[in-house]
């Protein structure tokens, strides 16, 4: 049985395919994105963080870290000690 979000009935697991679609949407839009090396550094910090849930979701803000890390105007939402 899939895990569901505590606040709704949606499945909280996000597939690699869904993430790829979201990232493609960012490329097609007018979003300012960070370079690939910065993106990788940010993701590495997210993957090492104890606040990461399901391998994709930040427990502080509920975002999909793959998307937040790609956006130039976003920062790590960890209170007190942001990771990037």
N, C-alpha and C. Protein backbone atom coordinates (compact mmCIF):
# COMPACT_ATOMS: atom_id res chain seq x y z
N UNK A 1 0.83 -1.18 0.00
CA UNK A 1 0.00 0.00 0.00
C UNK A 1 0.88 1.25 0.00
N UNK A 2 0.56 2.20 -0.83
CA UNK A 2 1.34 3.43 -0.93
C UNK A 2 1.13 4.30 0.31
N UNK A 3 2.19 5.01 0.70
CA UNK A 3 2.06 5.93 1.81
C UNK A 3 1.34 7.17 1.31
N UNK A 4 0.48 7.72 2.12
CA UNK A 4 -0.23 8.92 1.72
C UNK A 4 0.16 10.08 2.61
N UNK A 5 0.00 11.26 2.08
CA UNK A 5 0.29 12.48 2.80
C UNK A 5 -0.66 12.59 3.99
N UNK A 6 -0.16 13.04 5.12
CA UNK A 6 -1.00 13.18 6.31
C UNK A 6 -2.09 14.23 6.12
N UNK A 7 -1.82 15.24 5.27
CA UNK A 7 -2.77 16.32 5.08
C UNK A 7 -3.74 16.11 3.92
N UNK A 8 -3.54 15.05 3.16
CA UNK A 8 -4.43 14.81 2.02
C UNK A 8 -4.40 13.32 1.68
N UNK A 9 -5.08 12.95 0.63
CA UNK A 9 -5.12 11.54 0.27
C UNK A 9 -4.15 11.19 -0.85
N UNK A 10 -3.30 12.13 -1.22
CA UNK A 10 -2.36 11.90 -2.32
C UNK A 10 -1.23 10.97 -1.92
N UNK A 11 -0.74 10.22 -2.89
CA UNK A 11 0.43 9.38 -2.71
C UNK A 11 1.64 10.30 -2.54
N UNK A 12 2.45 10.10 -1.52
CA UNK A 12 3.59 10.97 -1.26
C UNK A 12 4.84 10.54 -2.01
N UNK A 13 4.82 9.40 -2.63
CA UNK A 13 5.97 8.94 -3.38
C UNK A 13 5.96 9.54 -4.78
N UNK A 14 7.08 10.16 -5.14
CA UNK A 14 7.21 10.80 -6.44
C UNK A 14 8.22 9.97 -7.24
N UNK A 15 7.84 9.58 -8.43
CA UNK A 15 8.71 8.74 -9.26
C UNK A 15 9.77 9.58 -9.98
N UNK A 16 10.82 8.92 -10.41
CA UNK A 16 11.86 9.58 -11.20
C UNK A 16 11.26 10.16 -12.48
N UNK A 17 10.29 9.48 -13.03
CA UNK A 17 9.61 9.95 -14.25
C UNK A 17 8.86 11.26 -13.98
N UNK A 18 8.18 11.34 -12.85
CA UNK A 18 7.46 12.56 -12.49
C UNK A 18 8.44 13.72 -12.27
N UNK A 19 9.54 13.44 -11.61
CA UNK A 19 10.55 14.48 -11.38
C UNK A 19 11.13 14.95 -12.71
N UNK A 20 11.42 14.05 -13.61
CA UNK A 20 11.94 14.42 -14.93
C UNK A 20 10.97 15.33 -15.67
N UNK A 21 9.69 15.03 -15.58
CA UNK A 21 8.67 15.88 -16.22
C UNK A 21 8.66 17.28 -15.62
N UNK A 22 8.76 17.36 -14.31
CA UNK A 22 8.78 18.67 -13.64
C UNK A 22 10.03 19.47 -14.03
N UNK A 23 11.18 18.79 -14.08
CA UNK A 23 12.41 19.47 -14.47
C UNK A 23 12.34 19.95 -15.93
N UNK A 24 11.72 19.17 -16.79
CA UNK A 24 11.54 19.56 -18.19
C UNK A 24 10.68 20.81 -18.27
N UNK A 25 9.66 20.88 -17.44
CA UNK A 25 8.79 22.05 -17.39
C UNK A 25 9.59 23.30 -16.99
N UNK A 26 10.53 23.14 -16.07
CA UNK A 26 11.38 24.27 -15.67
C UNK A 26 12.23 24.75 -16.84
N UNK A 27 12.75 23.81 -17.62
CA UNK A 27 13.57 24.17 -18.78
C UNK A 27 12.77 24.91 -19.83
N UNK A 28 11.52 24.52 -19.99
CA UNK A 28 10.66 25.12 -21.01
C UNK A 28 10.12 26.48 -20.57
N UNK A 29 10.14 26.75 -19.29
CA UNK A 29 9.57 27.99 -18.76
C UNK A 29 10.62 29.08 -18.64
N UNK A 30 10.21 30.15 -18.03
CA UNK A 30 11.10 31.31 -17.85
C UNK A 30 11.62 31.36 -16.42
N UNK A 31 12.06 30.22 -15.94
CA UNK A 31 12.60 30.13 -14.58
C UNK A 31 14.11 30.25 -14.63
N UNK A 32 14.68 31.03 -13.73
CA UNK A 32 16.13 31.11 -13.65
C UNK A 32 16.62 29.88 -12.90
N UNK A 33 17.54 29.14 -13.53
CA UNK A 33 18.04 27.89 -12.98
C UNK A 33 19.52 28.02 -12.64
N UNK A 34 19.95 27.22 -11.68
CA UNK A 34 21.37 27.21 -11.32
C UNK A 34 22.13 26.30 -12.29
N UNK A 35 23.44 26.52 -12.44
CA UNK A 35 24.25 25.62 -13.26
C UNK A 35 24.24 24.20 -12.69
N UNK A 36 24.55 23.23 -13.53
CA UNK A 36 24.51 21.82 -13.13
C UNK A 36 25.39 21.50 -11.92
N UNK A 37 26.57 22.14 -11.82
CA UNK A 37 27.45 21.84 -10.69
C UNK A 37 26.85 22.34 -9.37
N UNK A 38 26.20 23.49 -9.39
CA UNK A 38 25.54 24.01 -8.20
C UNK A 38 24.34 23.13 -7.85
N UNK A 39 23.61 22.71 -8.87
CA UNK A 39 22.46 21.82 -8.67
C UNK A 39 22.89 20.53 -7.98
N UNK A 40 23.96 19.93 -8.46
CA UNK A 40 24.46 18.68 -7.89
C UNK A 40 24.89 18.88 -6.44
N UNK A 41 25.57 19.98 -6.15
CA UNK A 41 26.01 20.29 -4.78
C UNK A 41 24.81 20.45 -3.85
N UNK A 42 23.79 21.15 -4.32
CA UNK A 42 22.58 21.33 -3.53
C UNK A 42 21.88 19.99 -3.28
N UNK A 43 21.74 19.20 -4.33
CA UNK A 43 21.09 17.90 -4.17
C UNK A 43 21.86 17.00 -3.22
N UNK A 44 23.18 17.01 -3.32
CA UNK A 44 24.00 16.19 -2.41
C UNK A 44 23.72 16.58 -0.96
N UNK A 45 23.59 17.89 -0.70
CA UNK A 45 23.28 18.35 0.66
C UNK A 45 21.89 17.87 1.08
N UNK A 46 20.94 17.93 0.17
CA UNK A 46 19.58 17.46 0.48
C UNK A 46 19.57 15.96 0.77
N UNK A 47 20.29 15.19 -0.05
CA UNK A 47 20.30 13.74 0.13
C UNK A 47 20.98 13.33 1.43
N UNK A 48 21.89 14.16 1.94
CA UNK A 48 22.58 13.87 3.20
C UNK A 48 21.81 14.39 4.42
N UNK A 49 20.76 15.16 4.18
CA UNK A 49 20.01 15.80 5.26
C UNK A 49 19.02 14.83 5.91
N UNK A 50 18.96 14.87 7.22
CA UNK A 50 18.03 14.00 7.96
C UNK A 50 16.57 14.44 7.78
N UNK A 51 16.35 15.59 7.21
CA UNK A 51 14.98 16.09 6.99
C UNK A 51 14.40 15.65 5.65
N UNK A 52 15.15 14.90 4.87
CA UNK A 52 14.65 14.40 3.59
C UNK A 52 13.73 13.21 3.85
N UNK A 53 12.56 13.23 3.25
CA UNK A 53 11.61 12.14 3.39
C UNK A 53 11.35 11.52 2.02
N UNK A 54 11.21 10.20 2.01
CA UNK A 54 10.87 9.43 0.80
C UNK A 54 11.91 9.59 -0.31
N UNK A 55 13.08 10.14 0.01
CA UNK A 55 14.13 10.34 -0.98
C UNK A 55 13.88 11.49 -1.93
N UNK A 56 12.80 12.25 -1.69
CA UNK A 56 12.44 13.33 -2.63
C UNK A 56 11.93 14.59 -1.96
N UNK A 57 11.43 14.51 -0.74
CA UNK A 57 10.65 15.58 -0.16
C UNK A 57 11.28 16.18 1.09
N UNK A 58 11.34 17.51 1.15
CA UNK A 58 11.86 18.21 2.32
C UNK A 58 10.77 18.28 3.38
N UNK A 59 11.08 17.85 4.58
CA UNK A 59 10.07 17.87 5.64
C UNK A 59 9.82 19.27 6.20
N UNK A 60 10.70 20.23 5.87
CA UNK A 60 10.51 21.59 6.36
C UNK A 60 9.50 22.38 5.54
N UNK A 61 9.47 22.14 4.25
CA UNK A 61 8.57 22.93 3.40
C UNK A 61 7.66 22.08 2.53
N UNK A 62 7.94 20.79 2.42
CA UNK A 62 7.11 19.92 1.59
C UNK A 62 7.47 19.93 0.13
N UNK A 63 8.54 20.62 -0.24
CA UNK A 63 8.91 20.70 -1.65
C UNK A 63 9.60 19.42 -2.12
N UNK A 64 9.61 19.23 -3.43
CA UNK A 64 10.40 18.18 -4.05
C UNK A 64 11.80 18.78 -4.21
N UNK A 65 12.79 18.21 -3.53
CA UNK A 65 14.12 18.82 -3.48
C UNK A 65 14.76 18.95 -4.85
N UNK A 66 14.47 18.04 -5.77
CA UNK A 66 15.04 18.11 -7.11
C UNK A 66 14.62 19.40 -7.82
N UNK A 67 13.43 19.88 -7.52
CA UNK A 67 12.93 21.09 -8.15
C UNK A 67 13.46 22.32 -7.43
N UNK A 68 13.34 22.34 -6.11
CA UNK A 68 13.80 23.49 -5.34
C UNK A 68 15.29 23.75 -5.58
N UNK A 69 16.09 22.69 -5.62
CA UNK A 69 17.53 22.84 -5.80
C UNK A 69 17.90 23.40 -7.16
N UNK A 70 17.05 23.23 -8.14
CA UNK A 70 17.32 23.70 -9.50
C UNK A 70 17.01 25.19 -9.67
N UNK A 71 16.14 25.74 -8.84
CA UNK A 71 15.71 27.13 -8.98
C UNK A 71 16.68 28.10 -8.32
N UNK A 72 17.16 29.08 -9.09
CA UNK A 72 18.18 30.01 -8.62
C UNK A 72 17.71 30.87 -7.44
N UNK A 73 16.43 31.17 -7.37
CA UNK A 73 15.95 32.06 -6.32
C UNK A 73 15.52 31.33 -5.06
N UNK A 74 15.76 30.05 -4.96
CA UNK A 74 15.37 29.27 -3.78
C UNK A 74 16.58 29.01 -2.89
N UNK A 75 16.30 28.81 -1.63
CA UNK A 75 17.32 28.49 -0.63
C UNK A 75 16.86 27.28 0.17
N UNK A 76 17.76 26.66 0.87
CA UNK A 76 17.42 25.56 1.75
C UNK A 76 16.52 26.09 2.87
N UNK A 77 15.38 25.43 3.12
CA UNK A 77 14.46 25.93 4.13
C UNK A 77 14.72 25.44 5.56
N UNK A 78 15.81 24.73 5.76
CA UNK A 78 16.09 24.20 7.10
C UNK A 78 16.29 25.35 8.09
N UNK A 79 15.45 25.41 9.12
CA UNK A 79 15.54 26.51 10.09
C UNK A 79 16.88 26.52 10.82
N UNK A 80 17.44 27.71 10.94
CA UNK A 80 18.67 27.89 11.72
C UNK A 80 19.94 27.50 11.03
N UNK A 81 19.95 26.39 10.32
CA UNK A 81 21.17 25.90 9.68
C UNK A 81 20.90 25.45 8.24
N UNK A 82 20.58 26.39 7.35
CA UNK A 82 20.34 26.00 5.96
C UNK A 82 21.59 25.29 5.39
N UNK A 83 21.36 24.30 4.56
CA UNK A 83 22.45 23.49 4.01
C UNK A 83 23.04 24.07 2.74
N UNK A 84 22.29 24.98 2.10
CA UNK A 84 22.81 25.67 0.90
C UNK A 84 22.10 26.96 0.69
